[in-house]
């Protein structure tokens, strides 16, 4: 199993200041600076799950994964410092830019000057599917209120704490799949619309506790049609970490 390990330097995103007026003064002051992102490009396999770690030297890194016009943003969790860990499974087999920058939120002093970091990308072996279902949403299915005004089907599944799971809802008809995952306490712990590519939904989730979870298969807009639901897991539960993700 190969692993990509890289290092680089990121500059803060606030150093480019041009023609900034000084409050209370009678003169205009301008300055020049440089903005630099750490950029790495690698070919990613849509059938492969990756574990990505970014460590900043005395700063919180932010990671942008970009392919074409799509992108994902990953940040260090509020209860962590300087180290970002996340799982990622691409929708398509293509070059992905891994862009490392500086997370300026939640910091005291803003870092300045060149900032060193390291990034590693580790493929994670996948086990055989633990669930594979062909099903259909129809007009007799209930609506997933109050989250969506769309028909849904629910699928119970047992998950183990620390284990990574990949849940895919793939359309067979002209529907726009949408996935939710409910925890043992019946609260939603993950949701997704288009991460599987071609409007298909994909959740990559690391279970926090053992228990009975529920997968909600629905659509972005009210529609009926056939779909497949697949749940896969990593071959090992040793790859840990938490991440806060946004778009």
C-alpha atoms as a PDB file:
ATOM      1  CA  UNK A   1       0.000   0.000   0.000  1.00  0.00           C
ATOM      2  CA  UNK A   2       1.592   3.250  -1.155  1.00  0.00           C
ATOM      3  CA  UNK A   3       1.440   6.516   0.718  1.00  0.00           C
ATOM      4  CA  UNK A   4       2.120  10.021  -0.528  1.00  0.00           C
ATOM      5  CA  UNK A   5       4.006  12.245   1.928  1.00  0.00           C
ATOM      6  CA  UNK A   6       4.654  15.871   1.060  1.00  0.00           C
ATOM      7  CA  UNK A   7       5.844  19.000   2.782  1.00  0.00           C
ATOM      8  CA  UNK A   8       5.647  22.642   1.849  1.00  0.00           C
ATOM      9  CA  UNK A   9       5.183  26.224   2.902  1.00  0.00           C
ATOM     10  CA  UNK A  10       2.002  28.292   3.067  1.00  0.00           C
ATOM     11  CA  UNK A  11       1.874  32.050   3.483  1.00  0.00           C
ATOM     12  CA  UNK A  12      -0.910  33.745   5.404  1.00  0.00           C
ATOM     13  CA  UNK A  13      -3.820  34.927   3.333  1.00  0.00           C
ATOM     14  CA  UNK A  14      -3.796  38.451   4.738  1.00  0.00           C
ATOM     15  CA  UNK A  15      -0.468  39.748   3.496  1.00  0.00           C
ATOM     16  CA  UNK A  16      -1.652  41.165   0.175  1.00  0.00           C
ATOM     17  CA  UNK A  17      -2.780  44.697   1.054  1.00  0.00           C
ATOM     18  CA  UNK A  18      -3.081  47.376  -1.600  1.00  0.00           C
ATOM     19  CA  UNK A  19      -4.084  51.028  -1.099  1.00  0.00           C
ATOM     20  CA  UNK A  20      -5.420  50.620   2.431  1.00  0.00           C
ATOM     21  CA  UNK A  21      -6.484  53.957   3.953  1.00  0.00           C
ATOM     22  CA  UNK A  22      -5.293  54.655   7.506  1.00  0.00           C
ATOM     23  CA  UNK A  23      -8.167  55.596   9.768  1.00  0.00           C
ATOM     24  CA  UNK A  24      -7.742  58.979  11.388  1.00  0.00           C
ATOM     25  CA  UNK A  25      -4.907  60.028   9.087  1.00  0.00           C
ATOM     26  CA  UNK A  26      -4.736  62.384   6.138  1.00  0.00           C
ATOM     27  CA  UNK A  27      -2.605  60.168   3.916  1.00  0.00           C
ATOM     28  CA  UNK A  28      -3.205  56.980   2.004  1.00  0.00           C
ATOM     29  CA  UNK A  29      -0.759  54.145   2.568  1.00  0.00           C
ATOM     30  CA  UNK A  30      -0.276  51.228   0.199  1.00  0.00           C
ATOM     31  CA  UNK A  31       1.722  48.044   0.599  1.00  0.00           C
ATOM     32  CA  UNK A  32       2.641  44.944  -1.365  1.00  0.00           C
ATOM     33  CA  UNK A  33       2.724  41.361  -0.225  1.00  0.00           C
ATOM     34  CA  UNK A  34       2.602  37.779  -1.424  1.00  0.00           C
ATOM     35  CA  UNK A  35      -0.121  35.197  -1.098  1.00  0.00           C
ATOM     36  CA  UNK A  36       0.885  31.578  -1.608  1.00  0.00           C
ATOM     37  CA  UNK A  37      -1.040  28.361  -1.224  1.00  0.00           C
ATOM     38  CA  UNK A  38       0.607  24.990  -0.822  1.00  0.00           C
ATOM     39  CA  UNK A  39      -0.497  23.116  -3.953  1.00  0.00           C
ATOM     40  CA  UNK A  40      -0.123  19.397  -4.627  1.00  0.00           C
ATOM     41  CA  UNK A  41      -1.763  17.426  -7.441  1.00  0.00           C
ATOM     42  CA  UNK A  42      -2.390  13.688  -7.552  1.00  0.00           C
ATOM     43  CA  UNK A  43      -4.501  11.244  -9.521  1.00  0.00           C
ATOM     44  CA  UNK A  44      -7.232   9.754  -7.323  1.00  0.00           C
ATOM     45  CA  UNK A  45      -9.175   6.532  -7.864  1.00  0.00           C
ATOM     46  CA  UNK A  46     -12.997   6.701  -7.437  1.00  0.00           C
ATOM     47  CA  UNK A  47     -12.956   3.151  -6.054  1.00  0.00           C
ATOM     48  CA  UNK A  48     -10.387   4.061  -3.385  1.00  0.00           C
ATOM     49  CA  UNK A  49     -10.843   5.599   0.054  1.00  0.00           C
ATOM     50  CA  UNK A  50      -8.048   7.927   1.219  1.00  0.00           C
ATOM     51  CA  UNK A  51      -6.995   9.108   4.666  1.00  0.00           C
ATOM     52  CA  UNK A  52      -5.468  12.590   4.509  1.00  0.00           C
ATOM     53  CA  UNK A  53      -3.448  14.208   7.295  1.00  0.00           C
ATOM     54  CA  UNK A  54      -2.235  17.812   7.249  1.00  0.00           C
ATOM     55  CA  UNK A  55      -0.069  19.110  10.105  1.00  0.00           C
ATOM     56  CA  UNK A  56       0.768  22.797  10.454  1.00  0.00           C
ATOM     57  CA  UNK A  57       3.764  24.052  12.382  1.00  0.00           C
ATOM     58  CA  UNK A  58       2.086  26.264  14.995  1.00  0.00           C
ATOM     59  CA  UNK A  59      -0.929  27.075  12.821  1.00  0.00           C
ATOM     60  CA  UNK A  60      -4.252  25.482  11.947  1.00  0.00           C
ATOM     61  CA  UNK A  61      -4.253  24.373   8.305  1.00  0.00           C
ATOM     62  CA  UNK A  62      -7.242  24.332   5.984  1.00  0.00           C
ATOM     63  CA  UNK A  63      -7.406  21.880   3.080  1.00  0.00           C
ATOM     64  CA  UNK A  64      -9.265  22.422  -0.188  1.00  0.00           C
ATOM     65  CA  UNK A  65      -9.671  19.376  -2.433  1.00  0.00           C
ATOM     66  CA  UNK A  66     -10.513  20.521  -5.948  1.00  0.00           C
ATOM     67  CA  UNK A  67     -11.251  18.642  -9.162  1.00  0.00           C
ATOM     68  CA  UNK A  68     -12.638  20.594 -12.100  1.00  0.00           C
ATOM     69  CA  UNK A  69     -15.440  22.811 -10.823  1.00  0.00           C
ATOM     70  CA  UNK A  70     -16.120  20.778  -7.671  1.00  0.00           C
ATOM     71  CA  UNK A  71     -14.358  21.240  -4.365  1.00  0.00           C
ATOM     72  CA  UNK A  72     -14.454  20.265  -0.701  1.00  0.00           C
ATOM     73  CA  UNK A  73     -13.131  22.268   2.253  1.00  0.00           C
ATOM     74  CA  UNK A  74     -11.767  20.589   5.392  1.00  0.00           C
ATOM     75  CA  UNK A  75     -10.782  22.362   8.628  1.00  0.00           C
ATOM     76  CA  UNK A  76      -9.261  21.450  11.971  1.00  0.00           C
ATOM     77  CA  UNK A  77     -11.979  20.618  14.551  1.00  0.00           C
ATOM     78  CA  UNK A  78     -12.605  23.143  17.303  1.00  0.00           C
ATOM     79  CA  UNK A  79     -11.170  20.810  19.954  1.00  0.00           C
ATOM     80  CA  UNK A  80      -7.921  20.152  18.036  1.00  0.00           C
ATOM     81  CA  UNK A  81      -4.817  22.173  17.223  1.00  0.00           C
ATOM     82  CA  UNK A  82      -2.576  22.242  14.174  1.00  0.00           C
ATOM     83  CA  UNK A  83      -3.564  18.771  12.876  1.00  0.00           C
ATOM     84  CA  UNK A  84      -6.277  18.022  10.326  1.00  0.00           C
ATOM     85  CA  UNK A  85      -7.352  14.456   9.580  1.00  0.00           C
ATOM     86  CA  UNK A  86     -10.078  13.447   7.160  1.00  0.00           C
ATOM     87  CA  UNK A  87     -11.236  10.625   4.916  1.00  0.00           C
ATOM     88  CA  UNK A  88     -12.052  11.260   1.258  1.00  0.00           C
ATOM     89  CA  UNK A  89     -13.393   9.174  -1.605  1.00  0.00           C
ATOM     90  CA  UNK A  90     -13.460  10.921  -5.010  1.00  0.00           C
ATOM     91  CA  UNK A  91     -16.484  10.821  -7.282  1.00  0.00           C
ATOM     92  CA  UNK A  92     -14.377  10.465 -10.433  1.00  0.00           C
ATOM     93  CA  UNK A  93     -10.947   9.203 -11.397  1.00  0.00           C
ATOM     94  CA  UNK A  94      -9.125  12.421 -12.213  1.00  0.00           C
ATOM     95  CA  UNK A  95      -6.422  14.777 -11.023  1.00  0.00           C
ATOM     96  CA  UNK A  96      -7.215  16.436  -7.695  1.00  0.00           C
ATOM     97  CA  UNK A  97      -5.524  19.579  -6.431  1.00  0.00           C
ATOM     98  CA  UNK A  98      -4.772  19.481  -2.707  1.00  0.00           C
ATOM     99  CA  UNK A  99      -4.520  23.115  -1.624  1.00  0.00           C
ATOM    100  CA  UNK A 100      -3.197  23.890   1.857  1.00  0.00           C
ATOM    101  CA  UNK A 101      -3.894  27.291   3.389  1.00  0.00           C
ATOM    102  CA  UNK A 102      -4.290  28.932   6.781  1.00  0.00           C
ATOM    103  CA  UNK A 103      -7.463  28.721   8.846  1.00  0.00           C
ATOM    104  CA  UNK A 104      -7.832  32.226  10.278  1.00  0.00           C
ATOM    105  CA  UNK A 105     -10.966  31.506  12.305  1.00  0.00           C
ATOM    106  CA  UNK A 106     -10.794  30.753  16.006  1.00  0.00           C
ATOM    107  CA  UNK A 107      -7.193  31.959  16.312  1.00  0.00           C
ATOM    108  CA  UNK A 108      -5.754  34.532  18.669  1.00  0.00           C
ATOM    109  CA  UNK A 109      -2.790  36.151  16.949  1.00  0.00           C
ATOM    110  CA  UNK A 110      -2.815  35.860  13.162  1.00  0.00           C
ATOM    111  CA  UNK A 111       0.272  33.990  11.923  1.00  0.00           C
ATOM    112  CA  UNK A 112       2.605  35.826   9.571  1.00  0.00           C
ATOM    113  CA  UNK A 113       5.369  34.885   7.166  1.00  0.00           C
ATOM    114  CA  UNK A 114       6.140  31.457   5.713  1.00  0.00           C
ATOM    115  CA  UNK A 115       4.404  28.641   7.573  1.00  0.00           C
ATOM    116  CA  UNK A 116       5.639  25.056   7.289  1.00  0.00           C
ATOM    117  CA  UNK A 117       3.322  22.068   7.021  1.00  0.00           C
ATOM    118  CA  UNK A 118       3.312  18.416   5.998  1.00  0.00           C
ATOM    119  CA  UNK A 119       0.597  16.455   4.203  1.00  0.00           C
ATOM    120  CA  UNK A 120       0.188  12.716   3.776  1.00  0.00           C
ATOM    121  CA  UNK A 121      -2.340  10.813   1.658  1.00  0.00           C
ATOM    122  CA  UNK A 122      -2.817   7.179   2.616  1.00  0.00           C
ATOM    123  CA  UNK A 123      -5.026   4.711   0.671  1.00  0.00           C
ATOM    124  CA  UNK A 124      -7.287   2.705   2.987  1.00  0.00           C
ATOM    125  CA  UNK A 125      -8.217  -0.859   1.900  1.00  0.00           C
ATOM    126  CA  UNK A 126     -11.963  -1.526   1.685  1.00  0.00           C
ATOM    127  CA  UNK A 127     -13.774  -4.674   2.760  1.00  0.00           C
ATOM    128  CA  UNK A 128     -16.623  -6.347   0.877  1.00  0.00           C
ATOM    129  CA  UNK A 129     -20.010  -4.528   1.111  1.00  0.00           C
ATOM    130  CA  UNK A 130     -21.909  -5.213   4.316  1.00  0.00           C
ATOM    131  CA  UNK A 131     -25.158  -4.106   2.670  1.00  0.00           C
ATOM    132  CA  UNK A 132     -26.241  -4.008  -0.986  1.00  0.00           C
ATOM    133  CA  UNK A 133     -29.870  -3.332  -1.890  1.00  0.00           C
ATOM    134  CA  UNK A 134     -31.831  -2.608  -5.075  1.00  0.00           C
ATOM    135  CA  UNK A 135     -34.994  -0.692  -4.246  1.00  0.00           C
ATOM    136  CA  UNK A 136     -37.458   1.906  -5.488  1.00  0.00           C
ATOM    137  CA  UNK A 137     -39.036   5.075  -4.126  1.00  0.00           C
ATOM    138  CA  UNK A 138     -42.716   5.347  -4.998  1.00  0.00           C
ATOM    139  CA  UNK A 139     -45.671   7.567  -4.183  1.00  0.00           C
ATOM    140  CA  UNK A 140     -46.783   5.310  -1.310  1.00  0.00           C
ATOM    141  CA  UNK A 141     -43.574   5.926   0.645  1.00  0.00           C
ATOM    142  CA  UNK A 142     -43.808   8.482   3.471  1.00  0.00           C
ATOM    143  CA  UNK A 143     -42.310  11.965   3.231  1.00  0.00           C
ATOM    144  CA  UNK A 144     -39.153  12.714   5.220  1.00  0.00           C
ATOM    145  CA  UNK A 145     -40.584  15.618   7.197  1.00  0.00           C
ATOM    146  CA  UNK A 146     -39.456  18.108   8.395  1.00  0.00           C
ATOM    147  CA  UNK A 147     -36.128  17.739   6.579  1.00  0.00           C
ATOM    148  CA  UNK A 148     -37.471  17.199   3.056  1.00  0.00           C
ATOM    149  CA  UNK A 149     -40.788  17.114   1.249  1.00  0.00           C
ATOM    150  CA  UNK A 150     -39.602  13.944  -0.495  1.00  0.00           C
ATOM    151  CA  UNK A 151     -40.483  10.254  -0.296  1.00  0.00           C
ATOM    152  CA  UNK A 152     -38.012   8.075   1.591  1.00  0.00           C
ATOM    153  CA  UNK A 153     -37.116   4.566   2.606  1.00  0.00           C
ATOM    154  CA  UNK A 154     -35.255   3.725   5.818  1.00  0.00           C
ATOM    155  CA  UNK A 155     -32.641   0.984   6.221  1.00  0.00           C
ATOM    156  CA  UNK A 156     -31.355  -0.099   9.659  1.00  0.00           C
ATOM    157  CA  UNK A 157     -27.651  -0.887   9.961  1.00  0.00           C
ATOM    158  CA  UNK A 158     -25.326  -1.687  12.858  1.00  0.00           C
ATOM    159  CA  UNK A 159     -22.143   0.402  12.982  1.00  0.00           C
ATOM    160  CA  UNK A 160     -19.040   0.049  15.151  1.00  0.00           C
ATOM    161  CA  UNK A 161     -17.269   2.944  16.841  1.00  0.00           C
ATOM    162  CA  UNK A 162     -14.042   4.002  15.112  1.00  0.00           C
ATOM    163  CA  UNK A 163     -14.908   2.257  11.850  1.00  0.00           C
ATOM    164  CA  UNK A 164     -15.140   4.176   8.563  1.00  0.00           C
ATOM    165  CA  UNK A 165     -18.237   3.558   6.437  1.00  0.00           C
ATOM    166  CA  UNK A 166     -19.001   4.513   2.848  1.00  0.00           C
ATOM    167  CA  UNK A 167     -22.721   4.720   2.055  1.00  0.00           C
ATOM    168  CA  UNK A 168     -23.705   5.129  -1.614  1.00  0.00           C
ATOM    169  CA  UNK A 169     -27.124   5.821  -3.110  1.00  0.00           C
ATOM    170  CA  UNK A 170     -26.917   5.472  -6.888  1.00  0.00           C
ATOM    171  CA  UNK A 171     -29.846   6.372  -9.123  1.00  0.00           C
ATOM    172  CA  UNK A 172     -31.255   4.028 -11.762  1.00  0.00           C
ATOM    173  CA  UNK A 173     -33.852   6.557 -12.902  1.00  0.00           C
ATOM    174  CA  UNK A 174     -34.158  10.319 -13.262  1.00  0.00           C
ATOM    175  CA  UNK A 175     -33.992  11.123  -9.570  1.00  0.00           C
ATOM    176  CA  UNK A 176     -31.545  13.194  -7.541  1.00  0.00           C
ATOM    177  CA  UNK A 177     -30.520  10.984  -4.589  1.00  0.00           C
ATOM    178  CA  UNK A 178     -30.132  12.456  -1.109  1.00  0.00           C
ATOM    179  CA  UNK A 179     -28.816  10.511   1.892  1.00  0.00           C
ATOM    180  CA  UNK A 180     -29.165  10.978   5.638  1.00  0.00           C
ATOM    181  CA  UNK A 181     -27.649   8.912   8.431  1.00  0.00           C
ATOM    182  CA  UNK A 182     -29.318   8.831  11.842  1.00  0.00           C
ATOM    183  CA  UNK A 183     -27.413   7.827  14.964  1.00  0.00           C
ATOM    184  CA  UNK A 184     -28.627   5.562  17.774  1.00  0.00           C
ATOM    185  CA  UNK A 185     -30.216   8.631  19.412  1.00  0.00           C
ATOM    186  CA  UNK A 186     -32.288   9.250  16.249  1.00  0.00           C
ATOM    187  CA  UNK A 187     -30.395  12.473  15.494  1.00  0.00           C
ATOM    188  CA  UNK A 188     -28.929  13.101  12.052  1.00  0.00           C
ATOM    189  CA  UNK A 189     -25.145  12.612  12.132  1.00  0.00           C
ATOM    190  CA  UNK A 190     -24.397  12.952   8.392  1.00  0.00           C
ATOM    191  CA  UNK A 191     -26.073  13.964   5.136  1.00  0.00           C
ATOM    192  CA  UNK A 192     -25.076  14.288   1.482  1.00  0.00           C
ATOM    193  CA  UNK A 193     -26.417  15.244  -1.916  1.00  0.00           C
ATOM    194  CA  UNK A 194     -23.885  14.907  -4.752  1.00  0.00           C
ATOM    195  CA  UNK A 195     -20.599  13.495  -3.399  1.00  0.00           C
ATOM    196  CA  UNK A 196     -20.981  10.263  -5.391  1.00  0.00           C
ATOM    197  CA  UNK A 197     -20.793  12.105  -8.719  1.00  0.00           C
ATOM    198  CA  UNK A 198     -23.482  12.374 -11.424  1.00  0.00           C
ATOM    199  CA  UNK A 199     -25.977  13.596  -8.773  1.00  0.00           C
ATOM    200  CA  UNK A 200     -25.494  10.396  -6.726  1.00  0.00           C
ATOM    201  CA  UNK A 201     -25.224  10.669  -2.938  1.00  0.00           C
ATOM    202  CA  UNK A 202     -22.331   9.387  -0.835  1.00  0.00           C
ATOM    203  CA  UNK A 203     -21.676   9.591   2.905  1.00  0.00           C
ATOM    204  CA  UNK A 204     -18.235   8.783   4.302  1.00  0.00           C
ATOM    205  CA  UNK A 205     -18.653   8.534   8.052  1.00  0.00           C
ATOM    206  CA  UNK A 206     -16.606   7.378  11.004  1.00  0.00           C
ATOM    207  CA  UNK A 207     -18.938   6.037  13.685  1.00  0.00           C
ATOM    208  CA  UNK A 208     -18.530   7.689  17.069  1.00  0.00           C
ATOM    209  CA  UNK A 209     -20.373   5.005  19.053  1.00  0.00           C
ATOM    210  CA  UNK A 210     -21.512   1.405  18.572  1.00  0.00           C
ATOM    211  CA  UNK A 211     -25.187   1.038  17.894  1.00  0.00           C
ATOM    212  CA  UNK A 212     -28.184   0.786  15.613  1.00  0.00           C
ATOM    213  CA  UNK A 213     -28.120   3.478  12.952  1.00  0.00           C
ATOM    214  CA  UNK A 214     -30.652   4.240  10.243  1.00  0.00           C
ATOM    215  CA  UNK A 215     -29.936   5.171   6.626  1.00  0.00           C
ATOM    216  CA  UNK A 216     -32.527   7.434   5.016  1.00  0.00           C
ATOM    217  CA  UNK A 217     -32.652   7.165   1.220  1.00  0.00           C
ATOM    218  CA  UNK A 218     -34.587  10.051  -0.289  1.00  0.00           C
ATOM    219  CA  UNK A 219     -34.319  12.676  -3.043  1.00  0.00           C
ATOM    220  CA  UNK A 220     -33.425  16.347  -3.281  1.00  0.00           C
ATOM    221  CA  UNK A 221     -36.831  17.080  -4.807  1.00  0.00           C
ATOM    222  CA  UNK A 222     -39.949  14.920  -4.614  1.00  0.00           C
ATOM    223  CA  UNK A 223     -39.521  12.125  -7.150  1.00  0.00           C
ATOM    224  CA  UNK A 224     -39.917   8.374  -7.571  1.00  0.00           C
ATOM    225  CA  UNK A 225     -37.617   5.844  -9.155  1.00  0.00           C
ATOM    226  CA  UNK A 226     -35.215   2.963  -8.664  1.00  0.00           C
ATOM    227  CA  UNK A 227     -31.857   3.132  -6.870  1.00  0.00           C
ATOM    228  CA  UNK A 228     -29.150   0.966  -5.352  1.00  0.00           C
ATOM    229  CA  UNK A 229     -27.914   1.379  -1.789  1.00  0.00           C
ATOM    230  CA  UNK A 230     -24.483   0.063  -0.820  1.00  0.00           C
ATOM    231  CA  UNK A 231     -22.635   0.191   2.494  1.00  0.00           C
ATOM    232  CA  UNK A 232     -18.918  -0.564   2.549  1.00  0.00           C
ATOM    233  CA  UNK A 233     -16.377  -0.304   5.322  1.00  0.00           C
ATOM    234  CA  UNK A 234     -12.635   0.017   5.678  1.00  0.00           C
ATOM    235  CA  UNK A 235     -10.713  -3.195   6.200  1.00  0.00           C
ATOM    236  CA  UNK A 236      -9.254  -1.716   9.411  1.00  0.00           C
ATOM    237  CA  UNK A 237     -10.649   0.613  12.076  1.00  0.00           C
ATOM    238  CA  UNK A 238      -7.218   1.913  13.115  1.00  0.00           C
ATOM    239  CA  UNK A 239      -7.384   5.058  10.969  1.00  0.00           C
ATOM    240  CA  UNK A 240      -8.958   7.544  13.308  1.00  0.00           C
ATOM    241  CA  UNK A 241      -9.521  11.252  13.669  1.00  0.00           C
ATOM    242  CA  UNK A 242     -12.339  13.726  13.304  1.00  0.00           C
ATOM    243  CA  UNK A 243     -12.874  16.547  10.948  1.00  0.00           C
ATOM    244  CA  UNK A 244     -15.207  19.475  10.421  1.00  0.00           C
ATOM    245  CA  UNK A 245     -16.280  19.680   6.798  1.00  0.00           C
ATOM    246  CA  UNK A 246     -17.990  22.336   4.725  1.00  0.00           C
ATOM    247  CA  UNK A 247     -18.516  23.349   1.129  1.00  0.00           C
END
